[in-house]
C-alpha atoms as a PDB file:
ATOM      1  CA  MET A   1     150.343  76.910 142.073  1.00  0.00           C
ATOM      2  CA  LYS A   2     148.918  76.848 138.527  1.00  0.00           C
ATOM      3  CA  PHE A   3     147.204  79.794 136.853  1.00  0.00           C
ATOM      4  CA  ILE A   4     145.167  79.573 133.634  1.00  0.00           C
ATOM      5  CA  ASP A   5     145.302  82.269 130.938  1.00  0.00           C
ATOM      6  CA  ALA A   6     142.757  83.193 128.236  1.00  0.00           C
ATOM      7  CA  ILE A   7     143.645  80.278 125.930  1.00  0.00           C
ATOM      8  CA  GLY A   8     143.654  77.678 128.686  1.00  0.00           C
ATOM      9  CA  ARG A   9     147.430  77.565 129.072  1.00  0.00           C
ATOM     10  CA  GLN A  10     148.716  76.814 132.548  1.00  0.00           C
ATOM     11  CA  HIS A  11     151.351  79.024 134.151  1.00  0.00           C
ATOM     12  CA  ASP A  12     153.411  78.488 137.276  1.00  0.00           C
ATOM     13  CA  ASP A  13     154.054  81.296 139.678  1.00  0.00           C
ATOM     14  CA  ILE A  14     157.555  82.748 139.680  1.00  0.00           C
ATOM     15  CA  SER A  15     158.663  80.993 142.860  1.00  0.00           C
ATOM     16  CA  ALA A  16     160.600  78.410 140.832  1.00  0.00           C
ATOM     17  CA  LEU A  17     162.611  81.034 138.918  1.00  0.00           C
ATOM     18  CA  ARG A  18     166.253  81.382 139.896  1.00  0.00           C
ATOM     19  CA  MET A  19     166.302  85.069 139.034  1.00  0.00           C
ATOM     20  CA  PRO A  20     163.764  87.923 138.933  1.00  0.00           C
ATOM     21  CA  PRO A  21     161.378  87.744 135.961  1.00  0.00           C
ATOM     22  CA  ARG A  22     161.919  89.952 132.930  1.00  0.00           C
ATOM     23  CA  ILE A  23     158.552  90.969 131.495  1.00  0.00           C
ATOM     24  CA  VAL A  24     157.689  92.403 128.087  1.00  0.00           C
ATOM     25  CA  SER A  25     154.122  93.702 127.834  1.00  0.00           C
ATOM     26  CA  LEU A  26     152.589  94.314 124.409  1.00  0.00           C
ATOM     27  CA  VAL A  27     149.298  95.564 125.880  1.00  0.00           C
ATOM     28  CA  PRO A  28     149.010  99.191 127.079  1.00  0.00           C
ATOM     29  CA  SER A  29     146.388  98.529 129.752  1.00  0.00           C
ATOM     30  CA  ILE A  30     148.309  95.492 131.023  1.00  0.00           C
ATOM     31  CA  THR A  31     151.491  97.560 131.301  1.00  0.00           C
ATOM     32  CA  GLU A  32     149.600 100.014 133.477  1.00  0.00           C
ATOM     33  CA  LEU A  33     148.172  97.180 135.578  1.00  0.00           C
ATOM     34  CA  LEU A  34     151.582  95.603 136.126  1.00  0.00           C
ATOM     35  CA  CYS A  35     152.906  98.932 137.354  1.00  0.00           C
ATOM     36  CA  ASP A  36     149.939  99.364 139.685  1.00  0.00           C
ATOM     37  CA  LEU A  37     150.544  95.866 141.042  1.00  0.00           C
ATOM     38  CA  GLY A  38     154.053  96.997 142.005  1.00  0.00           C
ATOM     39  CA  LEU A  39     155.838  95.057 139.260  1.00  0.00           C
ATOM     40  CA  ALA A  40     157.371  97.922 137.282  1.00  0.00           C
ATOM     41  CA  SER A  41     160.929  96.933 138.209  1.00  0.00           C
ATOM     42  CA  TRP A  42     160.442  93.647 136.326  1.00  0.00           C
ATOM     43  CA  LEU A  43     159.134  95.295 133.157  1.00  0.00           C
ATOM     44  CA  VAL A  44     161.910  95.425 130.590  1.00  0.00           C
ATOM     45  CA  GLY A  45     159.891  96.148 127.421  1.00  0.00           C
ATOM     46  CA  ARG A  46     156.670  97.840 126.333  1.00  0.00           C
ATOM     47  CA  THR A  47     154.998  99.179 123.203  1.00  0.00           C
ATOM     48  CA  GLY A  48     155.024 102.837 122.249  1.00  0.00           C
ATOM     49  CA  PHE A  49     151.325 102.918 123.141  1.00  0.00           C
ATOM     50  CA  CYS A  50     152.037 101.879 126.740  1.00  0.00           C
ATOM     51  CA  VAL A  51     151.964 105.415 128.115  1.00  0.00           C
ATOM     52  CA  HIS A  52     150.595 105.001 131.652  1.00  0.00           C
ATOM     53  CA  PRO A  53     151.833 105.623 134.261  1.00  0.00           C
ATOM     54  CA  ALA A  54     153.935 108.134 132.352  1.00  0.00           C
ATOM     55  CA  ASP A  55     156.675 108.716 134.936  1.00  0.00           C
ATOM     56  CA  THR A  56     157.197 104.984 135.373  1.00  0.00           C
ATOM     57  CA  VAL A  57     157.089 103.709 131.790  1.00  0.00           C
ATOM     58  CA  ARG A  58     159.417 106.425 130.507  1.00  0.00           C
ATOM     59  CA  SER A  59     162.432 104.359 131.553  1.00  0.00           C
ATOM     60  CA  ILE A  60     161.138 101.065 130.059  1.00  0.00           C
ATOM     61  CA  ALA A  61     162.412 100.176 126.582  1.00  0.00           C
ATOM     62  CA  LYS A  62     160.007 100.525 123.651  1.00  0.00           C
ATOM     63  CA  VAL A  63     159.772  97.526 121.326  1.00  0.00           C
ATOM     64  CA  GLY A  64     157.459  98.873 118.616  1.00  0.00           C
ATOM     65  CA  GLY A  65     153.683  98.987 118.443  1.00  0.00           C
ATOM     66  CA  THR A  66     151.046  96.496 119.467  1.00  0.00           C
ATOM     67  CA  LYS A  67     150.895  95.054 115.946  1.00  0.00           C
ATOM     68  CA  ASP A  68     154.384  95.791 114.614  1.00  0.00           C
ATOM     69  CA  VAL A  69     156.797  94.708 117.311  1.00  0.00           C
ATOM     70  CA  ASN A  70     160.541  94.645 116.794  1.00  0.00           C
ATOM     71  CA  GLN A  71     161.485  91.041 117.500  1.00  0.00           C
ATOM     72  CA  ASN A  72     165.204  91.742 117.542  1.00  0.00           C
ATOM     73  CA  LYS A  73     164.764  94.375 120.238  1.00  0.00           C
ATOM     74  CA  ILE A  74     162.667  91.982 122.286  1.00  0.00           C
ATOM     75  CA  ARG A  75     165.185  89.154 121.883  1.00  0.00           C
ATOM     76  CA  ALA A  76     167.960  91.455 123.104  1.00  0.00           C
ATOM     77  CA  LEU A  77     165.990  92.138 126.289  1.00  0.00           C
ATOM     78  CA  ALA A  78     166.055  88.397 127.141  1.00  0.00           C
ATOM     79  CA  PRO A  79     162.532  88.323 128.602  1.00  0.00           C
ATOM     80  CA  THR A  80     161.269  85.432 130.684  1.00  0.00           C
ATOM     81  CA  HIS A  81     157.617  86.454 130.250  1.00  0.00           C
ATOM     82  CA  LEU A  82     155.605  88.007 127.421  1.00  0.00           C
ATOM     83  CA  ILE A  83     152.093  89.332 128.001  1.00  0.00           C
ATOM     84  CA  VAL A  84     149.791  89.708 124.989  1.00  0.00           C
ATOM     85  CA  ASN A  85     146.115  90.156 124.167  1.00  0.00           C
ATOM     86  CA  ILE A  86     144.035  88.300 121.570  1.00  0.00           C
ATOM     87  CA  ASP A  87     142.500  91.477 120.130  1.00  0.00           C
ATOM     88  CA  GLU A  88     145.514  93.759 120.258  1.00  0.00           C
ATOM     89  CA  ASN A  89     148.395  91.585 119.099  1.00  0.00           C
ATOM     90  CA  GLU A  90     148.965  89.575 115.916  1.00  0.00           C
ATOM     91  CA  LYS A  91     149.124  85.811 116.419  1.00  0.00           C
ATOM     92  CA  PRO A  92     151.977  85.188 113.911  1.00  0.00           C
ATOM     93  CA  ALA A  93     154.155  87.698 115.754  1.00  0.00           C
ATOM     94  CA  VAL A  94     153.281  86.176 119.122  1.00  0.00           C
ATOM     95  CA  ASP A  95     154.025  82.680 117.829  1.00  0.00           C
ATOM     96  CA  ALA A  96     157.421  83.858 116.598  1.00  0.00           C
ATOM     97  CA  LEU A  97     158.215  85.467 119.953  1.00  0.00           C
ATOM     98  CA  ALA A  98     157.180  82.269 121.735  1.00  0.00           C
ATOM     99  CA  GLN A  99     160.101  80.535 120.057  1.00  0.00           C
ATOM    100  CA  PHE A 100     162.534  82.287 122.401  1.00  0.00           C
ATOM    101  CA  ILE A 101     160.398  83.553 125.311  1.00  0.00           C
ATOM    102  CA  PRO A 102     159.665  80.766 127.823  1.00  0.00           C
ATOM    103  CA  HIS A 103     156.372  82.072 129.194  1.00  0.00           C
ATOM    104  CA  VAL A 104     153.708  83.720 127.011  1.00  0.00           C
ATOM    105  CA  ILE A 105     150.633  84.853 128.938  1.00  0.00           C
ATOM    106  CA  VAL A 106     147.566  85.485 126.771  1.00  0.00           C
ATOM    107  CA  THR A 107     144.818  87.808 128.024  1.00  0.00           C
ATOM    108  CA  HIS A 108     141.350  88.489 126.624  1.00  0.00           C
ATOM    109  CA  PRO A 109     138.935  90.332 128.954  1.00  0.00           C
ATOM    110  CA  GLN A 110     135.569  90.566 127.193  1.00  0.00           C
ATOM    111  CA  THR A 111     133.360  91.941 129.953  1.00  0.00           C
ATOM    112  CA  PRO A 112     134.080  94.323 132.832  1.00  0.00           C
ATOM    113  CA  ARG A 113     133.905  91.537 135.412  1.00  0.00           C
ATOM    114  CA  ASP A 114     136.621  89.621 133.556  1.00  0.00           C
ATOM    115  CA  ASN A 115     139.001  92.098 135.170  1.00  0.00           C
ATOM    116  CA  LEU A 116     138.710  90.215 138.459  1.00  0.00           C
ATOM    117  CA  ALA A 117     140.227  87.083 136.910  1.00  0.00           C
ATOM    118  CA  LEU A 118     142.838  89.234 135.159  1.00  0.00           C
ATOM    119  CA  TYR A 119     143.984  90.803 138.436  1.00  0.00           C
ATOM    120  CA  ARG A 120     144.232  87.377 140.074  1.00  0.00           C
ATOM    121  CA  LEU A 121     145.997  85.796 137.082  1.00  0.00           C
ATOM    122  CA  LEU A 122     148.808  88.356 136.957  1.00  0.00           C
ATOM    123  CA  GLY A 123     148.900  88.868 140.703  1.00  0.00           C
ATOM    124  CA  GLY A 124     149.188  85.111 141.205  1.00  0.00           C
ATOM    125  CA  ILE A 125     151.874  84.499 138.602  1.00  0.00           C
ATOM    126  CA  PHE A 126     154.016  87.425 139.766  1.00  0.00           C
ATOM    127  CA  SER A 127     153.529  87.064 143.540  1.00  0.00           C
ATOM    128  CA  ALA A 128     151.395  90.199 143.897  1.00  0.00           C
ATOM    129  CA  GLU A 129     148.311  88.519 145.351  1.00  0.00           C
ATOM    130  CA  ASP A 130     147.649  91.130 148.026  1.00  0.00           C
ATOM    131  CA  LYS A 131     147.634  94.029 145.575  1.00  0.00           C
ATOM    132  CA  ALA A 132     145.534  91.977 143.155  1.00  0.00           C
ATOM    133  CA  GLU A 133     142.916  91.449 145.862  1.00  0.00           C
ATOM    134  CA  GLN A 134     142.984  95.169 146.638  1.00  0.00           C
ATOM    135  CA  HIS A 135     142.192  95.791 142.976  1.00  0.00           C
ATOM    136  CA  CYS A 136     139.365  93.262 143.132  1.00  0.00           C
ATOM    137  CA  ALA A 137     137.858  94.980 146.181  1.00  0.00           C
ATOM    138  CA  ALA A 138     138.101  98.419 144.557  1.00  0.00           C
ATOM    139  CA  PHE A 139     136.513  97.050 141.374  1.00  0.00           C
ATOM    140  CA  GLU A 140     133.619  95.466 143.291  1.00  0.00           C
ATOM    141  CA  ASN A 141     132.961  98.742 145.109  1.00  0.00           C
ATOM    142  CA  GLU A 142     132.744 100.685 141.841  1.00  0.00           C
ATOM    143  CA  TYR A 143     130.695  97.950 140.182  1.00  0.00           C
ATOM    144  CA  ALA A 144     128.182  98.025 143.051  1.00  0.00           C
ATOM    145  CA  ALA A 145     127.948 101.824 142.860  1.00  0.00           C
ATOM    146  CA  LEU A 146     127.254 101.605 139.124  1.00  0.00           C
ATOM    147  CA  ALA A 147     124.620  98.899 139.613  1.00  0.00           C
ATOM    148  CA  ALA A 148     122.902 101.113 142.207  1.00  0.00           C
ATOM    149  CA  LEU A 149     122.195 103.863 139.659  1.00  0.00           C
ATOM    150  CA  PRO A 150     118.509 104.376 138.905  1.00  0.00           C
ATOM    151  CA  LYS A 151     117.471 102.350 135.886  1.00  0.00           C
ATOM    152  CA  ARG A 152     117.505 104.449 132.749  1.00  0.00           C
ATOM    153  CA  THR A 153     115.574 104.127 129.543  1.00  0.00           C
ATOM    154  CA  PRO A 154     117.426 101.684 127.253  1.00  0.00           C
ATOM    155  CA  LYS A 155     118.807 103.157 124.079  1.00  0.00           C
ATOM    156  CA  THR A 156     120.798 102.146 121.030  1.00  0.00           C
ATOM    157  CA  VAL A 157     124.124 103.888 120.583  1.00  0.00           C
ATOM    158  CA  LEU A 158     126.724 103.846 117.827  1.00  0.00           C
ATOM    159  CA  TYR A 159     130.250 103.873 119.266  1.00  0.00           C
ATOM    160  CA  CYS A 160     132.721 105.171 116.675  1.00  0.00           C
ATOM    161  CA  ILE A 161     136.431 104.381 116.860  1.00  0.00           C
ATOM    162  CA  TRP A 162     137.594 105.626 113.428  1.00  0.00           C
ATOM    163  CA  LYS A 163     136.666 107.736 110.408  1.00  0.00           C
ATOM    164  CA  ASP A 164     137.749 107.578 106.750  1.00  0.00           C
ATOM    165  CA  PRO A 165     136.546 104.843 106.817  1.00  0.00           C
ATOM    166  CA  TRP A 166     134.034 105.013 109.635  1.00  0.00           C
ATOM    167  CA  MET A 167     134.424 102.090 112.026  1.00  0.00           C
ATOM    168  CA  THR A 168     132.600 100.900 115.106  1.00  0.00           C
ATOM    169  CA  VAL A 169     132.680  97.912 117.500  1.00  0.00           C
ATOM    170  CA  SER A 170     130.691  94.691 117.534  1.00  0.00           C
ATOM    171  CA  ARG A 171     128.472  93.704 120.443  1.00  0.00           C
ATOM    172  CA  ASP A 172     130.901  91.045 121.666  1.00  0.00           C
ATOM    173  CA  THR A 173     133.684  93.537 122.414  1.00  0.00           C
ATOM    174  CA  TYR A 174     134.739  94.843 125.813  1.00  0.00           C
ATOM    175  CA  ILE A 175     133.549  98.329 124.841  1.00  0.00           C
ATOM    176  CA  ALA A 176     130.062  97.120 123.971  1.00  0.00           C
ATOM    177  CA  GLN A 177     129.879  95.248 127.258  1.00  0.00           C
ATOM    178  CA  MET A 178     130.885  98.406 129.114  1.00  0.00           C
ATOM    179  CA  LEU A 179     128.040 100.246 127.391  1.00  0.00           C
ATOM    180  CA  ALA A 180     125.689  97.440 128.365  1.00  0.00           C
ATOM    181  CA  GLN A 181     126.320  98.254 132.036  1.00  0.00           C
ATOM    182  CA  LEU A 182     124.265 101.402 131.423  1.00  0.00           C
ATOM    183  CA  GLY A 183     121.558  99.565 129.507  1.00  0.00           C
ATOM    184  CA  TRP A 184     122.918 100.980 126.245  1.00  0.00           C
ATOM    185  CA  GLN A 185     122.906  98.576 123.328  1.00  0.00           C
ATOM    186  CA  GLN A 186     125.594  98.951 120.712  1.00  0.00           C
ATOM    187  CA  TRP A 187     124.237  99.299 117.166  1.00  0.00           C
ATOM    188  CA  THR A 188     125.015  96.372 114.877  1.00  0.00           C
ATOM    189  CA  THR A 189     125.385  96.351 111.117  1.00  0.00           C
ATOM    190  CA  THR A 190     123.210  94.304 108.775  1.00  0.00           C
ATOM    191  CA  ASP A 191     126.027  93.975 106.245  1.00  0.00           C
ATOM    192  CA  PRO A 192     126.854  90.240 106.180  1.00  0.00           C
ATOM    193  CA  VAL A 193     130.562  90.814 105.586  1.00  0.00           C
ATOM    194  CA  GLU A 194     131.057  93.537 108.179  1.00  0.00           C
ATOM    195  CA  SER A 195     128.860  91.819 110.771  1.00  0.00           C
ATOM    196  CA  ALA A 196     131.483  89.070 111.022  1.00  0.00           C
ATOM    197  CA  ARG A 197     134.142  91.590 112.069  1.00  0.00           C
ATOM    198  CA  ARG A 198     134.801  92.734 115.618  1.00  0.00           C
ATOM    199  CA  TYR A 199     135.431  96.251 114.295  1.00  0.00           C
ATOM    200  CA  PRO A 200     133.048  96.687 111.329  1.00  0.00           C
ATOM    201  CA  LYS A 201     133.085  99.527 108.817  1.00  0.00           C
ATOM    202  CA  PHE A 202     129.896 101.437 108.026  1.00  0.00           C
ATOM    203  CA  ASN A 203     128.518 104.413 106.077  1.00  0.00           C
ATOM    204  CA  TRP A 204     126.151 107.089 107.319  1.00  0.00           C
ATOM    205  CA  SER A 205     123.022 105.901 105.536  1.00  0.00           C
ATOM    206  CA  ARG A 206     119.508 106.904 106.517  1.00  0.00           C
ATOM    207  CA  ASP A 207     118.933 103.407 107.883  1.00  0.00           C
ATOM    208  CA  VAL A 208     121.914 103.715 110.197  1.00  0.00           C
ATOM    209  CA  VAL A 209     120.901 107.134 111.500  1.00  0.00           C
ATOM    210  CA  ASP A 210     117.299 106.038 112.084  1.00  0.00           C
ATOM    211  CA  ALA A 211     118.430 102.956 114.022  1.00  0.00           C
ATOM    212  CA  VAL A 212     120.374 104.823 116.731  1.00  0.00           C
ATOM    213  CA  ASP A 213     119.397 107.172 119.520  1.00  0.00           C
ATOM    214  CA  GLU A 214     122.851 108.638 120.059  1.00  0.00           C
ATOM    215  CA  VAL A 215     126.354 108.517 118.604  1.00  0.00           C
ATOM    216  CA  LEU A 216     129.476 108.254 120.772  1.00  0.00           C
ATOM    217  CA  LEU A 217     132.808 109.430 119.343  1.00  0.00           C
ATOM    218  CA  SER A 218     135.770 107.881 121.132  1.00  0.00           C
ATOM    219  CA  SER A 219     138.928 109.847 121.904  1.00  0.00           C
ATOM    220  CA  GLU A 220     140.983 106.836 120.776  1.00  0.00           C
ATOM    221  CA  PRO A 221     142.259 105.200 118.649  1.00  0.00           C
ATOM    222  CA  TYR A 222     141.050 107.995 116.334  1.00  0.00           C
ATOM    223  CA  ARG A 223     141.380 111.334 118.088  1.00  0.00           C
ATOM    224  CA  PHE A 224     137.836 112.578 117.771  1.00  0.00           C
ATOM    225  CA  THR A 225     137.296 116.091 119.147  1.00  0.00           C
ATOM    226  CA  GLU A 226     134.379 118.394 119.939  1.00  0.00           C
ATOM    227  CA  ALA A 227     134.753 119.791 116.416  1.00  0.00           C
ATOM    228  CA  HIS A 228     133.911 116.334 115.069  1.00  0.00           C
ATOM    229  CA  VAL A 229     130.949 116.194 117.449  1.00  0.00           C
ATOM    230  CA  ASP A 230     129.549 119.490 116.158  1.00  0.00           C
ATOM    231  CA  ALA A 231     130.050 118.573 112.503  1.00  0.00           C
ATOM    232  CA  LEU A 232     128.459 115.136 112.857  1.00  0.00           C
ATOM    233  CA  GLU A 233     125.459 116.457 114.800  1.00  0.00           C
ATOM    234  CA  GLN A 234     124.748 118.865 111.957  1.00  0.00           C
ATOM    235  CA  GLN A 235     125.197 116.074 109.411  1.00  0.00           C
ATOM    236  CA  ILE A 236     122.944 113.406 110.972  1.00  0.00           C
ATOM    237  CA  GLY A 237     120.587 115.367 113.224  1.00  0.00           C
ATOM    238  CA  LYS A 238     121.073 113.056 116.212  1.00  0.00           C
ATOM    239  CA  PRO A 239     122.785 113.627 119.584  1.00  0.00           C
ATOM    240  CA  VAL A 240     126.550 113.061 119.448  1.00  0.00           C
ATOM    241  CA  GLN A 241     128.831 112.862 122.482  1.00  0.00           C
ATOM    242  CA  LEU A 242     132.608 112.694 122.867  1.00  0.00           C
ATOM    243  CA  VAL A 243     133.723 109.934 125.251  1.00  0.00           C
ATOM    244  CA  ASP A 244     137.035 109.013 126.828  1.00  0.00           C
ATOM    245  CA  GLY A 245     138.279 105.997 124.886  1.00  0.00           C
ATOM    246  CA  GLU A 246     140.735 104.902 127.566  1.00  0.00           C
ATOM    247  CA  MET A 247     137.960 104.759 130.157  1.00  0.00           C
ATOM    248  CA  MET A 248     135.750 102.743 127.836  1.00  0.00           C
ATOM    249  CA  SER A 249     138.271 100.299 126.376  1.00  0.00           C
ATOM    250  CA  TRP A 250     141.181  99.888 128.807  1.00  0.00           C
ATOM    251  CA  TYR A 251     140.774  96.941 131.136  1.00  0.00           C
ATOM    252  CA  GLY A 252     143.187  96.261 133.993  1.00  0.00           C
ATOM    253  CA  SER A 253     143.475  98.814 136.768  1.00  0.00           C
ATOM    254  CA  ARG A 254     141.928 101.553 134.602  1.00  0.00           C
ATOM    255  CA  ALA A 255     138.682  99.547 134.542  1.00  0.00           C
ATOM    256  CA  ILE A 256     138.082 100.686 138.117  1.00  0.00           C
ATOM    257  CA  SER A 257     138.048 104.362 137.146  1.00  0.00           C
ATOM    258  CA  GLY A 258     136.270 103.276 133.946  1.00  0.00           C
ATOM    259  CA  LEU A 259     133.293 102.112 136.002  1.00  0.00           C
ATOM    260  CA  ARG A 260     133.305 105.453 137.815  1.00  0.00           C
ATOM    261  CA  TYR A 261     133.381 107.180 134.428  1.00  0.00           C
ATOM    262  CA  LEU A 262     130.367 105.129 133.332  1.00  0.00           C
ATOM    263  CA  ARG A 263     128.430 106.477 136.303  1.00  0.00           C
ATOM    264  CA  GLN A 264     129.170 110.012 135.158  1.00  0.00           C
ATOM    265  CA  LEU A 265     128.308 109.140 131.575  1.00  0.00           C
ATOM    266  CA  GLY A 266     125.031 107.533 132.632  1.00  0.00           C
ATOM    267  CA  GLY A 267     124.095 110.590 134.617  1.00  0.00           C
ATOM    268  CA  CYS A 268     124.226 112.960 131.641  1.00  0.00           C
ATOM    269  CA  GLY A 269     121.493 112.186 129.207  1.00  0.00           C
END
């Protein structure tokens, strides 16, 4: 059976392989998903940011970061499959790895519901269809519970992922689409250069502050804390809230608990 990844490339399932697959995942949330699909024994490489589930990934070789992989380490692992993401991994590095890895699976979930296709893609390729469908059912249950929340007053939020320089997310990112499930619209810059970026930089001008109802500080990739929340609230005079970055930005199996987290977030404020 053929399965289609995010760039339209067709993949066969592993039934034709003469030996068990050897998978390198360069995407933290995908590494977690593969483990939850029962495929951890086939994972031979991961990034240093692939930290869940901790007890399982501890024994899987690290091959660098998401954007600075060690190609020699990966080559030595002799992988049959490489799993990457359009946002998280650099195309030149992926192209170089494709020279010696037979199967490169490209992922790019952009909305919460894209997780359903992701579960079925990886579950289908790696003969984990039953567990993939269990994930789909769990996702649909959480999605329905979120949709059943009373409608709230729409608001504009500014989701911050970094400081020095300050950085946010564009409206076409997975994070912004998660926020949209609550009726929260991500702020967008008017700077013509930054507006073309998926992760634009910005400064705290009066125009920016006046345009948002609330600021959300993510716990990753920058490790914002409650101390940052307090300082920024005093600086801009608007509500500021610390949010769990993994729940907001990790797709895969964590998206299921991410939807549950959204329900909690939508119920406070």
